[in-house]
Amino acid sequence: MAALEEKAKQETEKLEFSLNVPFPSANEATIALRSLSPDREPRKGGISKQMSVCGDTLSVRWSADEARILRVSVNSFLDHLSLVLETMEMFGPPLCPKQTDMRSGWV
């Protein structure tokens, strides 16, 4: 009986991990969110990831059944985040929406 109760307790307890990533601006935090949002967790069950932007901070929260699944998901996310940051750094800060693109004449 005790073994069944312990197994049920383990199944209901979730591991959680939260990460807040500050950006120079709210616009850059939103760009990062949009760049990282299409990546779904490969496993349908056992883990969930929620992302949001508040001001200039990207917040990510994971909830998982197993430490291994959580570790793999966080590592994968950090790899993708690193790529997004490198790309943003390479291309420079985003243009303000009201700036004029001289090549196209758009305002």
PDB file of N, CA and C in Angstrom:
ATOM      1  N   MET A   1       0.820  -1.196   0.000  1.00  0.00           N
ATOM      2  CA  MET A   1       0.000   0.000   0.000  1.00  0.00           C
ATOM      3  C   MET A   1       0.863   1.258   0.000  1.00  0.00           C
ATOM      4  N   ALA A   2       1.920   1.244   0.815  1.00  0.00           N
ATOM      5  CA  ALA A   2       2.807   2.403   0.893  1.00  0.00           C
ATOM      6  C   ALA A   2       3.493   2.653  -0.439  1.00  0.00           C
ATOM      7  N   ALA A   3       3.827   1.593  -1.167  1.00  0.00           N
ATOM      8  CA  ALA A   3       4.480   1.744  -2.472  1.00  0.00           C
ATOM      9  C   ALA A   3       3.549   2.427  -3.468  1.00  0.00           C
ATOM     10  N   LEU A   4       2.276   2.074  -3.421  1.00  0.00           N
ATOM     11  CA  LEU A   4       1.299   2.707  -4.316  1.00  0.00           C
ATOM     12  C   LEU A   4       1.121   4.183  -3.985  1.00  0.00           C
ATOM     13  N   GLU A   5       1.104   4.515  -2.698  1.00  0.00           N
ATOM     14  CA  GLU A   5       0.969   5.913  -2.294  1.00  0.00           C
ATOM     15  C   GLU A   5       2.187   6.728  -2.720  1.00  0.00           C
ATOM     16  N   GLU A   6       3.387   6.136  -2.579  1.00  0.00           N
ATOM     17  CA  GLU A   6       4.618   6.826  -2.981  1.00  0.00           C
ATOM     18  C   GLU A   6       4.630   7.058  -4.489  1.00  0.00           C
ATOM     19  N   LYS A   7       4.212   6.056  -5.262  1.00  0.00           N
ATOM     20  CA  LYS A   7       4.164   6.199  -6.715  1.00  0.00           C
ATOM     21  C   LYS A   7       3.161   7.277  -7.109  1.00  0.00           C
ATOM     22  N   ALA A   8       2.005   7.312  -6.482  1.00  0.00           N
ATOM     23  CA  ALA A   8       0.993   8.332  -6.775  1.00  0.00           C
ATOM     24  C   ALA A   8       1.521   9.725  -6.421  1.00  0.00           C
ATOM     25  N   LYS A   9       2.244   9.822  -5.310  1.00  0.00           N
ATOM     26  CA  LYS A   9       2.809  11.111  -4.896  1.00  0.00           C
ATOM     27  C   LYS A   9       3.833  11.600  -5.922  1.00  0.00           C
ATOM     28  N   GLN A  10       4.689  10.687  -6.401  1.00  0.00           N
ATOM     29  CA  GLN A  10       5.697  11.055  -7.398  1.00  0.00           C
ATOM     30  C   GLN A  10       5.047  11.489  -8.705  1.00  0.00           C
ATOM     31  N   GLU A  11       3.939  10.870  -9.080  1.00  0.00           N
ATOM     32  CA  GLU A  11       3.265  11.211 -10.323  1.00  0.00           C
ATOM     33  C   GLU A  11       2.616  12.587 -10.254  1.00  0.00           C
ATOM     34  N   THR A  12       2.196  13.013  -9.070  1.00  0.00           N
ATOM     35  CA  THR A  12       1.528  14.302  -8.962  1.00  0.00           C
ATOM     36  C   THR A  12       2.508  15.448  -8.738  1.00  0.00           C
ATOM     37  N   GLU A  13       3.704  15.154  -8.201  1.00  0.00           N
ATOM     38  CA  GLU A  13       4.694  16.200  -7.974  1.00  0.00           C
ATOM     39  C   GLU A  13       5.400  16.533  -9.278  1.00  0.00           C
ATOM     40  N   LYS A  14       5.477  17.801  -9.571  1.00  0.00           N
ATOM     41  CA  LYS A  14       6.144  18.267 -10.782  1.00  0.00           C
ATOM     42  C   LYS A  14       7.409  19.008 -10.403  1.00  0.00           C
ATOM     43  N   LEU A  15       8.394  18.893 -11.248  1.00  0.00           N
ATOM     44  CA  LEU A  15       9.598  19.696 -11.116  1.00  0.00           C
ATOM     45  C   LEU A  15       9.366  20.979 -11.889  1.00  0.00           C
ATOM     46  N   GLU A  16       9.800  22.101 -11.337  1.00  0.00           N
ATOM     47  CA  GLU A  16       9.602  23.375 -12.018  1.00  0.00           C
ATOM     48  C   GLU A  16      10.916  24.135 -12.103  1.00  0.00           C
ATOM     49  N   PHE A  17      11.062  24.874 -13.189  1.00  0.00           N
ATOM     50  CA  PHE A  17      12.243  25.712 -13.398  1.00  0.00           C
ATOM     51  C   PHE A  17      11.783  26.989 -14.089  1.00  0.00           C
ATOM     52  N   SER A  18      12.258  28.122 -13.597  1.00  0.00           N
ATOM     53  CA  SER A  18      11.908  29.417 -14.180  1.00  0.00           C
ATOM     54  C   SER A  18      13.175  30.157 -14.565  1.00  0.00           C
ATOM     55  N   LEU A  19      13.079  30.922 -15.652  1.00  0.00           N
ATOM     56  CA  LEU A  19      14.205  31.691 -16.154  1.00  0.00           C
ATOM     57  C   LEU A  19      13.697  33.046 -16.614  1.00  0.00           C
ATOM     58  N   ASN A  20      14.369  34.119 -16.182  1.00  0.00           N
ATOM     59  CA  ASN A  20      14.064  35.470 -16.644  1.00  0.00           C
ATOM     60  C   ASN A  20      15.280  35.992 -17.391  1.00  0.00           C
ATOM     61  N   VAL A  21      15.061  36.437 -18.635  1.00  0.00           N
ATOM     62  CA  VAL A  21      16.150  36.922 -19.476  1.00  0.00           C
ATOM     63  C   VAL A  21      15.893  38.389 -19.789  1.00  0.00           C
ATOM     64  N   PRO A  22      16.721  39.299 -19.240  1.00  0.00           N
ATOM     65  CA  PRO A  22      16.531  40.727 -19.543  1.00  0.00           C
ATOM     66  C   PRO A  22      17.108  41.079 -20.917  1.00  0.00           C
ATOM     67  N   PHE A  23      16.437  41.984 -21.600  1.00  0.00           N
ATOM     68  CA  PHE A  23      16.873  42.483 -22.906  1.00  0.00           C
ATOM     69  C   PHE A  23      17.018  43.991 -22.826  1.00  0.00           C
ATOM     70  N   PRO A  24      17.754  44.584 -23.761  1.00  0.00           N
ATOM     71  CA  PRO A  24      17.903  46.048 -23.755  1.00  0.00           C
ATOM     72  C   PRO A  24      16.590  46.804 -23.939  1.00  0.00           C
ATOM     73  N   SER A  25      15.622  46.150 -24.612  1.00  0.00           N
ATOM     74  CA  SER A  25      14.338  46.821 -24.843  1.00  0.00           C
ATOM     75  C   SER A  25      13.208  45.801 -24.887  1.00  0.00           C
ATOM     76  N   ALA A  26      11.992  46.297 -24.734  1.00  0.00           N
ATOM     77  CA  ALA A  26      10.812  45.430 -24.819  1.00  0.00           C
ATOM     78  C   ALA A  26      10.667  44.862 -26.227  1.00  0.00           C
ATOM     79  N   ASN A  27      11.044  45.654 -27.227  1.00  0.00           N
ATOM     80  CA  ASN A  27      10.964  45.203 -28.618  1.00  0.00           C
ATOM     81  C   ASN A  27      11.861  43.984 -28.836  1.00  0.00           C
ATOM     82  N   GLU A  28      13.071  44.015 -28.295  1.00  0.00           N
ATOM     83  CA  GLU A  28      13.989  42.884 -28.453  1.00  0.00           C
ATOM     84  C   GLU A  28      13.499  41.657 -27.680  1.00  0.00           C
ATOM     85  N   ALA A  29      12.905  41.860 -26.530  1.00  0.00           N
ATOM     86  CA  ALA A  29      12.343  40.741 -25.770  1.00  0.00           C
ATOM     87  C   ALA A  29      11.204  40.085 -26.556  1.00  0.00           C
ATOM     88  N   THR A  30      10.393  40.895 -27.206  1.00  0.00           N
ATOM     89  CA  THR A  30       9.288  40.368 -28.020  1.00  0.00           C
ATOM     90  C   THR A  30       9.808  39.623 -29.237  1.00  0.00           C
ATOM     91  N   ILE A  31      10.856  40.140 -29.867  1.00  0.00           N
ATOM     92  CA  ILE A  31      11.466  39.455 -31.011  1.00  0.00           C
ATOM     93  C   ILE A  31      11.981  38.077 -30.573  1.00  0.00           C
ATOM     94  N   ALA A  32      12.643  38.022 -29.424  1.00  0.00           N
ATOM     95  CA  ALA A  32      13.144  36.745 -28.911  1.00  0.00           C
ATOM     96  C   ALA A  32      11.990  35.778 -28.640  1.00  0.00           C
ATOM     97  N   LEU A  33      10.928  36.277 -28.020  1.00  0.00           N
ATOM     98  CA  LEU A  33       9.758  35.437 -27.744  1.00  0.00           C
ATOM     99  C   LEU A  33       9.194  34.855 -29.037  1.00  0.00           C
ATOM    100  N   ARG A  34       9.034  35.691 -30.033  1.00  0.00           N
ATOM    101  CA  ARG A  34       8.482  35.225 -31.313  1.00  0.00           C
ATOM    102  C   ARG A  34       9.413  34.250 -32.011  1.00  0.00           C
ATOM    103  N   SER A  35      10.708  34.454 -31.849  1.00  0.00           N
ATOM    104  CA  SER A  35      11.675  33.549 -32.475  1.00  0.00           C
ATOM    105  C   SER A  35      11.698  32.186 -31.793  1.00  0.00           C
ATOM    106  N   LEU A  36      11.474  32.169 -30.493  1.00  0.00           N
ATOM    107  CA  LEU A  36      11.554  30.926 -29.733  1.00  0.00           C
ATOM    108  C   LEU A  36      10.212  30.210 -29.592  1.00  0.00           C
ATOM    109  N   SER A  37       9.130  30.888 -29.820  1.00  0.00           N
ATOM    110  CA  SER A  37       7.802  30.299 -29.629  1.00  0.00           C
ATOM    111  C   SER A  37       7.473  29.126 -30.542  1.00  0.00           C
ATOM    112  N   PRO A  38       7.915  29.116 -31.797  1.00  0.00           N
ATOM    113  CA  PRO A  38       7.531  27.980 -32.649  1.00  0.00           C
ATOM    114  C   PRO A  38       8.074  26.640 -32.190  1.00  0.00           C
ATOM    115  N   ASP A  39       9.101  26.631 -31.342  1.00  0.00           N
ATOM    116  CA  ASP A  39       9.696  25.376 -30.905  1.00  0.00           C
ATOM    117  C   ASP A  39       8.832  24.710 -29.846  1.00  0.00           C
ATOM    118  N   ARG A  40       8.154  23.665 -30.246  1.00  0.00           N
ATOM    119  CA  ARG A  40       7.322  22.894 -29.327  1.00  0.00           C
ATOM    120  C   ARG A  40       8.173  21.802 -28.691  1.00  0.00           C
ATOM    121  N   GLU A  41       7.740  21.344 -27.547  1.00  0.00           N
ATOM    122  CA  GLU A  41       8.422  20.240 -26.901  1.00  0.00           C
ATOM    123  C   GLU A  41       8.198  18.983 -27.743  1.00  0.00           C
ATOM    124  N   PRO A  42       9.278  18.220 -27.996  1.00  0.00           N
ATOM    125  CA  PRO A  42       9.129  17.034 -28.844  1.00  0.00           C
ATOM    126  C   PRO A  42       8.237  15.963 -28.233  1.00  0.00           C
ATOM    127  N   ARG A  43       8.198  15.894 -26.936  1.00  0.00           N
ATOM    128  CA  ARG A  43       7.357  14.934 -26.236  1.00  0.00           C
ATOM    129  C   ARG A  43       6.024  15.559 -25.924  1.00  0.00           C
ATOM    130  N   LYS A  44       4.968  14.854 -26.164  1.00  0.00           N
ATOM    131  CA  LYS A  44       3.627  15.395 -25.904  1.00  0.00           C
ATOM    132  C   LYS A  44       3.314  15.481 -24.423  1.00  0.00           C
ATOM    133  N   GLY A  45       3.784  14.545 -23.642  1.00  0.00           N
ATOM    134  CA  GLY A  45       3.461  14.532 -22.217  1.00  0.00           C
ATOM    135  C   GLY A  45       4.697  14.628 -21.359  1.00  0.00           C
ATOM    136  N   GLY A  46       4.493  14.942 -20.109  1.00  0.00           N
ATOM    137  CA  GLY A  46       5.596  14.946 -19.178  1.00  0.00           C
ATOM    138  C   GLY A  46       6.260  16.288 -18.976  1.00  0.00           C
ATOM    139  N   ILE A  47       6.007  17.255 -19.880  1.00  0.00           N
ATOM    140  CA  ILE A  47       6.642  18.566 -19.737  1.00  0.00           C
ATOM    141  C   ILE A  47       5.781  19.642 -20.385  1.00  0.00           C
ATOM    142  N   SER A  48       5.828  20.817 -19.800  1.00  0.00           N
ATOM    143  CA  SER A  48       5.176  21.968 -20.421  1.00  0.00           C
ATOM    144  C   SER A  48       6.095  23.174 -20.257  1.00  0.00           C
ATOM    145  N   LYS A  49       6.006  24.095 -21.205  1.00  0.00           N
ATOM    146  CA  LYS A  49       6.827  25.308 -21.180  1.00  0.00           C
ATOM    147  C   LYS A  49       5.923  26.487 -21.491  1.00  0.00           C
ATOM    148  N   GLN A  50       6.009  27.514 -20.661  1.00  0.00           N
ATOM    149  CA  GLN A  50       5.224  28.728 -20.863  1.00  0.00           C
ATOM    150  C   GLN A  50       6.179  29.903 -20.990  1.00  0.00           C
ATOM    151  N   MET A  51       5.981  30.722 -22.019  1.00  0.00           N
ATOM    152  CA  MET A  51       6.832  31.892 -22.228  1.00  0.00           C
ATOM    153  C   MET A  51       5.978  33.149 -22.288  1.00  0.00           C
ATOM    154  N   SER A  52       6.534  34.241 -21.756  1.00  0.00           N
ATOM    155  CA  SER A  52       5.841  35.525 -21.808  1.00  0.00           C
ATOM    156  C   SER A  52       6.872  36.643 -21.736  1.00  0.00           C
ATOM    157  N   VAL A  53       6.418  37.833 -22.113  1.00  0.00           N
ATOM    158  CA  VAL A  53       7.258  39.026 -22.035  1.00  0.00           C
ATOM    159  C   VAL A  53       6.551  40.027 -21.142  1.00  0.00           C
ATOM    160  N   CYS A  54       7.305  40.586 -20.214  1.00  0.00           N
ATOM    161  CA  CYS A  54       6.813  41.666 -19.370  1.00  0.00           C
ATOM    162  C   CYS A  54       7.859  42.767 -19.435  1.00  0.00           C
ATOM    163  N   GLY A  55       7.522  43.853 -20.092  1.00  0.00           N
ATOM    164  CA  GLY A  55       8.495  44.922 -20.290  1.00  0.00           C
ATOM    165  C   GLY A  55       9.634  44.435 -21.157  1.00  0.00           C
ATOM    166  N   ASP A  56      10.859  44.552 -20.649  1.00  0.00           N
ATOM    167  CA  ASP A  56      12.019  44.129 -21.433  1.00  0.00           C
ATOM    168  C   ASP A  56      12.557  42.767 -20.981  1.00  0.00           C
ATOM    169  N   THR A  57      11.725  41.965 -20.313  1.00  0.00           N
ATOM    170  CA  THR A  57      12.161  40.669 -19.785  1.00  0.00           C
ATOM    171  C   THR A  57      11.356  39.522 -20.383  1.00  0.00           C
ATOM    172  N   LEU A  58      12.078  38.546 -20.902  1.00  0.00           N
ATOM    173  CA  LEU A  58      11.480  37.311 -21.382  1.00  0.00           C
ATOM    174  C   LEU A  58      11.462  36.334 -20.213  1.00  0.00           C
ATOM    175  N   SER A  59      10.292  35.821 -19.879  1.00  0.00           N
ATOM    176  CA  SER A  59      10.153  34.864 -18.778  1.00  0.00           C
ATOM    177  C   SER A  59       9.737  33.512 -19.333  1.00  0.00           C
ATOM    178  N   VAL A  60      10.403  32.476 -18.845  1.00  0.00           N
ATOM    179  CA  VAL A  60      10.114  31.110 -19.281  1.00  0.00           C
ATOM    180  C   VAL A  60       9.942  30.256 -18.037  1.00  0.00           C
ATOM    181  N   ARG A  61       8.925  29.405 -18.059  1.00  0.00           N
ATOM    182  CA  ARG A  61       8.654  28.526 -16.921  1.00  0.00           C
ATOM    183  C   ARG A  61       8.377  27.123 -17.438  1.00  0.00           C
ATOM    184  N   TRP A  62       9.107  26.175 -16.911  1.00  0.00           N
ATOM    185  CA  TRP A  62       8.933  24.774 -17.268  1.00  0.00           C
ATOM    186  C   TRP A  62       8.309  24.023 -16.097  1.00  0.00           C
ATOM    187  N   SER A  63       7.573  22.983 -16.419  1.00  0.00           N
ATOM    188  CA  SER A  63       7.032  22.060 -15.436  1.00  0.00           C
ATOM    189  C   SER A  63       7.179  20.665 -16.038  1.00  0.00           C
ATOM    190  N   ALA A  64       7.833  19.750 -15.307  1.00  0.00           N
ATOM    191  CA  ALA A  64       8.109  18.423 -15.867  1.00  0.00           C
ATOM    192  C   ALA A  64       7.902  17.337 -14.821  1.00  0.00           C
ATOM    193  N   ASP A  65       7.674  16.139 -15.332  1.00  0.00           N
ATOM    194  CA  ASP A  65       7.515  14.975 -14.471  1.00  0.00           C
ATOM    195  C   ASP A  65       8.852  14.397 -14.039  1.00  0.00           C
ATOM    196  N   GLU A  66       9.867  14.511 -14.901  1.00  0.00           N
ATOM    197  CA  GLU A  66      11.162  13.896 -14.636  1.00  0.00           C
ATOM    198  C   GLU A  66      12.285  14.907 -14.819  1.00  0.00           C
ATOM    199  N   ALA A  67      13.323  14.767 -14.014  1.00  0.00           N
ATOM    200  CA  ALA A  67      14.470  15.677 -14.084  1.00  0.00           C
ATOM    201  C   ALA A  67      15.166  15.587 -15.434  1.00  0.00           C
ATOM    202  N   ARG A  68      15.270  14.399 -15.989  1.00  0.00           N
ATOM    203  CA  ARG A  68      15.936  14.224 -17.272  1.00  0.00           C
ATOM    204  C   ARG A  68      15.225  14.986 -18.387  1.00  0.00           C
ATOM    205  N   ILE A  69      13.916  14.899 -18.421  1.00  0.00           N
ATOM    206  CA  ILE A  69      13.134  15.593 -19.444  1.00  0.00           C
ATOM    207  C   ILE A  69      13.275  17.105 -19.276  1.00  0.00           C
ATOM    208  N   LEU A  70      13.238  17.553 -18.037  1.00  0.00           N
ATOM    209  CA  LEU A  70      13.398  18.981 -17.752  1.00  0.00           C
ATOM    210  C   LEU A  70      14.770  19.468 -18.211  1.00  0.00           C
ATOM    211  N   ARG A  71      15.816  18.727 -17.884  1.00  0.00           N
ATOM    212  CA  ARG A  71      17.173  19.101 -18.258  1.00  0.00           C
ATOM    213  C   ARG A  71      17.332  19.191 -19.772  1.00  0.00           C
ATOM    214  N   VAL A  72      16.814  18.232 -20.498  1.00  0.00           N
ATOM    215  CA  VAL A  72      16.919  18.230 -21.956  1.00  0.00           C
ATOM    216  C   VAL A  72      16.193  19.436 -22.547  1.00  0.00           C
ATOM    217  N   SER A  73      15.013  19.723 -22.040  1.00  0.00           N
ATOM    218  CA  SER A  73      14.231  20.851 -22.550  1.00  0.00           C
ATOM    219  C   SER A  73      14.918  22.182 -22.270  1.00  0.00           C
ATOM    220  N   VAL A  74      15.420  22.374 -21.051  1.00  0.00           N
ATOM    221  CA  VAL A  74      16.095  23.627 -20.703  1.00  0.00           C
ATOM    222  C   VAL A  74      17.365  23.788 -21.523  1.00  0.00           C
ATOM    223  N   ASN A  75      18.153  22.715 -21.671  1.00  0.00           N
ATOM    224  CA  ASN A  75      19.373  22.797 -22.476  1.00  0.00           C
ATOM    225  C   ASN A  75      19.072  23.150 -23.920  1.00  0.00           C
ATOM    226  N   SER A  76      18.051  22.539 -24.476  1.00  0.00           N
ATOM    227  CA  SER A  76      17.663  22.834 -25.850  1.00  0.00           C
ATOM    228  C   SER A  76      17.235  24.300 -25.987  1.00  0.00           C
ATOM    229  N   PHE A  77      16.442  24.766 -25.029  1.00  0.00           N
ATOM    230  CA  PHE A  77      16.001  26.162 -25.054  1.00  0.00           C
ATOM    231  C   PHE A  77      17.190  27.113 -24.982  1.00  0.00           C
ATOM    232  N   LEU A  78      18.151  26.828 -24.094  1.00  0.00           N
ATOM    233  CA  LEU A  78      19.319  27.704 -23.950  1.00  0.00           C
ATOM    234  C   LEU A  78      20.152  27.725 -25.227  1.00  0.00           C
ATOM    235  N   ASP A  79      20.247  26.595 -25.914  1.00  0.00           N
ATOM    236  CA  ASP A  79      20.946  26.571 -27.212  1.00  0.00           C
ATOM    237  C   ASP A  79      20.245  27.474 -28.217  1.00  0.00           C
ATOM    238  N   HIS A  80      18.923  27.374 -28.283  1.00  0.00           N
ATOM    239  CA  HIS A  80      18.159  28.214 -29.211  1.00  0.00           C
ATOM    240  C   HIS A  80      18.238  29.689 -28.812  1.00  0.00           C
ATOM    241  N   LEU A  81      18.155  29.965 -27.524  1.00  0.00           N
ATOM    242  CA  LEU A  81      18.265  31.343 -27.045  1.00  0.00           C
ATOM    243  C   LEU A  81      19.619  31.925 -27.412  1.00  0.00           C
ATOM    244  N   SER A  82      20.671  31.156 -27.257  1.00  0.00           N
ATOM    245  CA  SER A  82      22.014  31.607 -27.619  1.00  0.00           C
ATOM    246  C   SER A  82      22.079  31.975 -29.096  1.00  0.00           C
ATOM    247  N   LEU A  83      21.483  31.165 -29.939  1.00  0.00           N
ATOM    248  CA  LEU A  83      21.453  31.446 -31.381  1.00  0.00           C
ATOM    249  C   LEU A  83      20.668  32.725 -31.670  1.00  0.00           C
ATOM    250  N   VAL A  84      19.539  32.908 -31.011  1.00  0.00           N
ATOM    251  CA  VAL A  84      18.730  34.127 -31.189  1.00  0.00           C
ATOM    252  C   VAL A  84      19.529  35.357 -30.759  1.00  0.00           C
ATOM    253  N   LEU A  85      20.209  35.275 -29.623  1.00  0.00           N
ATOM    254  CA  LEU A  85      21.000  36.409 -29.136  1.00  0.00           C
ATOM    255  C   LEU A  85      22.152  36.729 -30.082  1.00  0.00           C
ATOM    256  N   GLU A  86      22.832  35.701 -30.574  1.00  0.00           N
ATOM    257  CA  GLU A  86      23.924  35.925 -31.531  1.00  0.00           C
ATOM    258  C   GLU A  86      23.404  36.584 -32.803  1.00  0.00           C
ATOM    259  N   THR A  87      22.258  36.135 -33.284  1.00  0.00           N
ATOM    260  CA  THR A  87      21.666  36.704 -34.497  1.00  0.00           C
ATOM    261  C   THR A  87      21.274  38.158 -34.270  1.00  0.00           C
ATOM    262  N   MET A  88      20.659  38.447 -33.135  1.00  0.00           N
ATOM    263  CA  MET A  88      20.260  39.824 -32.835  1.00  0.00           C
ATOM    264  C   MET A  88      21.494  40.720 -32.725  1.00  0.00           C
ATOM    265  N   GLU A  89      22.556  40.198 -32.136  1.00  0.00           N
ATOM    266  CA  GLU A  89      23.786  40.973 -32.003  1.00  0.00           C
ATOM    267  C   GLU A  89      24.421  41.231 -33.370  1.00  0.00           C
ATOM    268  N   MET A  90      24.371  40.230 -34.237  1.00  0.00           N
ATOM    269  CA  MET A  90      24.977  40.357 -35.560  1.00  0.00           C
ATOM    270  C   MET A  90      24.262  41.418 -36.406  1.00  0.00           C
ATOM    271  N   PHE A  91      22.951  41.458 -36.317  1.00  0.00           N
ATOM    272  CA  PHE A  91      22.177  42.388 -37.141  1.00  0.00           C
ATOM    273  C   PHE A  91      21.922  43.726 -36.460  1.00  0.00           C
ATOM    274  N   GLY A  92      22.284  43.853 -35.203  1.00  0.00           N
ATOM    275  CA  GLY A  92      22.112  45.114 -34.504  1.00  0.00           C
ATOM    276  C   GLY A  92      20.721  45.251 -33.930  1.00  0.00           C
ATOM    277  N   PRO A  93      20.500  46.359 -33.202  1.00  0.00           N
ATOM    278  CA  PRO A  93      19.187  46.555 -32.587  1.00  0.00           C
ATOM    279  C   PRO A  93      18.103  46.717 -33.657  1.00  0.00           C
ATOM    280  N   PRO A  94      16.886  46.281 -33.346  1.00  0.00           N
ATOM    281  CA  PRO A  94      15.796  46.397 -34.322  1.00  0.00           C
ATOM    282  C   PRO A  94      15.446  47.853 -34.568  1.00  0.00           C
ATOM    283  N   LEU A  95      15.004  48.116 -35.789  1.00  0.00           N
ATOM    284  CA  LEU A  95      14.574  49.467 -36.140  1.00  0.00           C
ATOM    285  C   LEU A  95      13.262  49.780 -35.449  1.00  0.00           C
ATOM    286  N   CYS A  96      13.130  50.996 -35.050  1.00  0.00           N
ATOM    287  CA  CYS A  96      11.874  51.465 -34.494  1.00  0.00           C
ATOM    288  C   CYS A  96      10.834  51.423 -35.610  1.00  0.00           C
ATOM    289  N   PRO A  97       9.604  51.026 -35.353  1.00  0.00           N
ATOM    290  CA  PRO A  97       8.593  50.931 -36.411  1.00  0.00           C
ATOM    291  C   PRO A  97       8.381  52.234 -37.184  1.00  0.00           C
ATOM    292  N   LYS A  98       8.682  53.389 -36.598  1.00  0.00           N
ATOM    293  CA  LYS A  98       8.433  54.652 -37.282  1.00  0.00           C
ATOM    294  C   LYS A  98       9.625  55.134 -38.096  1.00  0.00           C
ATOM    295  N   GLN A  99      10.766  54.417 -38.018  1.00  0.00           N
ATOM    296  CA  GLN A  99      11.916  54.822 -38.800  1.00  0.00           C
ATOM    297  C   GLN A  99      11.660  54.520 -40.264  1.00  0.00           C
ATOM    298  N   THR A 100      12.197  55.349 -41.117  1.00  0.00           N
ATOM    299  CA  THR A 100      11.995  55.204 -42.552  1.00  0.00           C
ATOM    300  C   THR A 100      13.068  54.299 -43.145  1.00  0.00           C
ATOM    301  N   ASP A 101      12.640  53.363 -43.950  1.00  0.00           N
ATOM    302  CA  ASP A 101      13.560  52.537 -44.720  1.00  0.00           C
ATOM    303  C   ASP A 101      13.804  53.258 -46.040  1.00  0.00           C
ATOM    304  N   MET A 102      14.996  53.797 -46.197  1.00  0.00           N
ATOM    305  CA  MET A 102      15.303  54.621 -47.359  1.00  0.00           C
ATOM    306  C   MET A 102      15.221  53.852 -48.674  1.00  0.00           C
ATOM    307  N   ARG A 103      15.442  52.563 -48.667  1.00  0.00           N
ATOM    308  CA  ARG A 103      15.408  51.784 -49.897  1.00  0.00           C
ATOM    309  C   ARG A 103      13.990  51.566 -50.391  1.00  0.00           C
ATOM    310  N   SER A 104      13.048  51.397 -49.474  1.00  0.00           N
ATOM    311  CA  SER A 104      11.692  51.076 -49.917  1.00  0.00           C
ATOM    312  C   SER A 104      10.732  52.251 -49.814  1.00  0.00           C
ATOM    313  N   GLY A 105      11.125  53.271 -49.059  1.00  0.00           N
ATOM    314  CA  GLY A 105      10.248  54.420 -48.882  1.00  0.00           C
ATOM    315  C   GLY A 105       9.170  54.205 -47.838  1.00  0.00           C
ATOM    316  N   TRP A 106       9.181  53.048 -47.147  1.00  0.00           N
ATOM    317  CA  TRP A 106       8.191  52.769 -46.110  1.00  0.00           C
ATOM    318  C   TRP A 106       8.464  53.606 -44.883  1.00  0.00           C
ATOM    319  N   VAL A 107       7.416  53.998 -44.243  1.00  0.00           N
ATOM    320  CA  VAL A 107       7.543  54.761 -42.993  1.00  0.00           C
ATOM    321  C   VAL A 107       7.066  53.893 -41.864  1.00  0.00           C
TER     322      VAL A 107
END
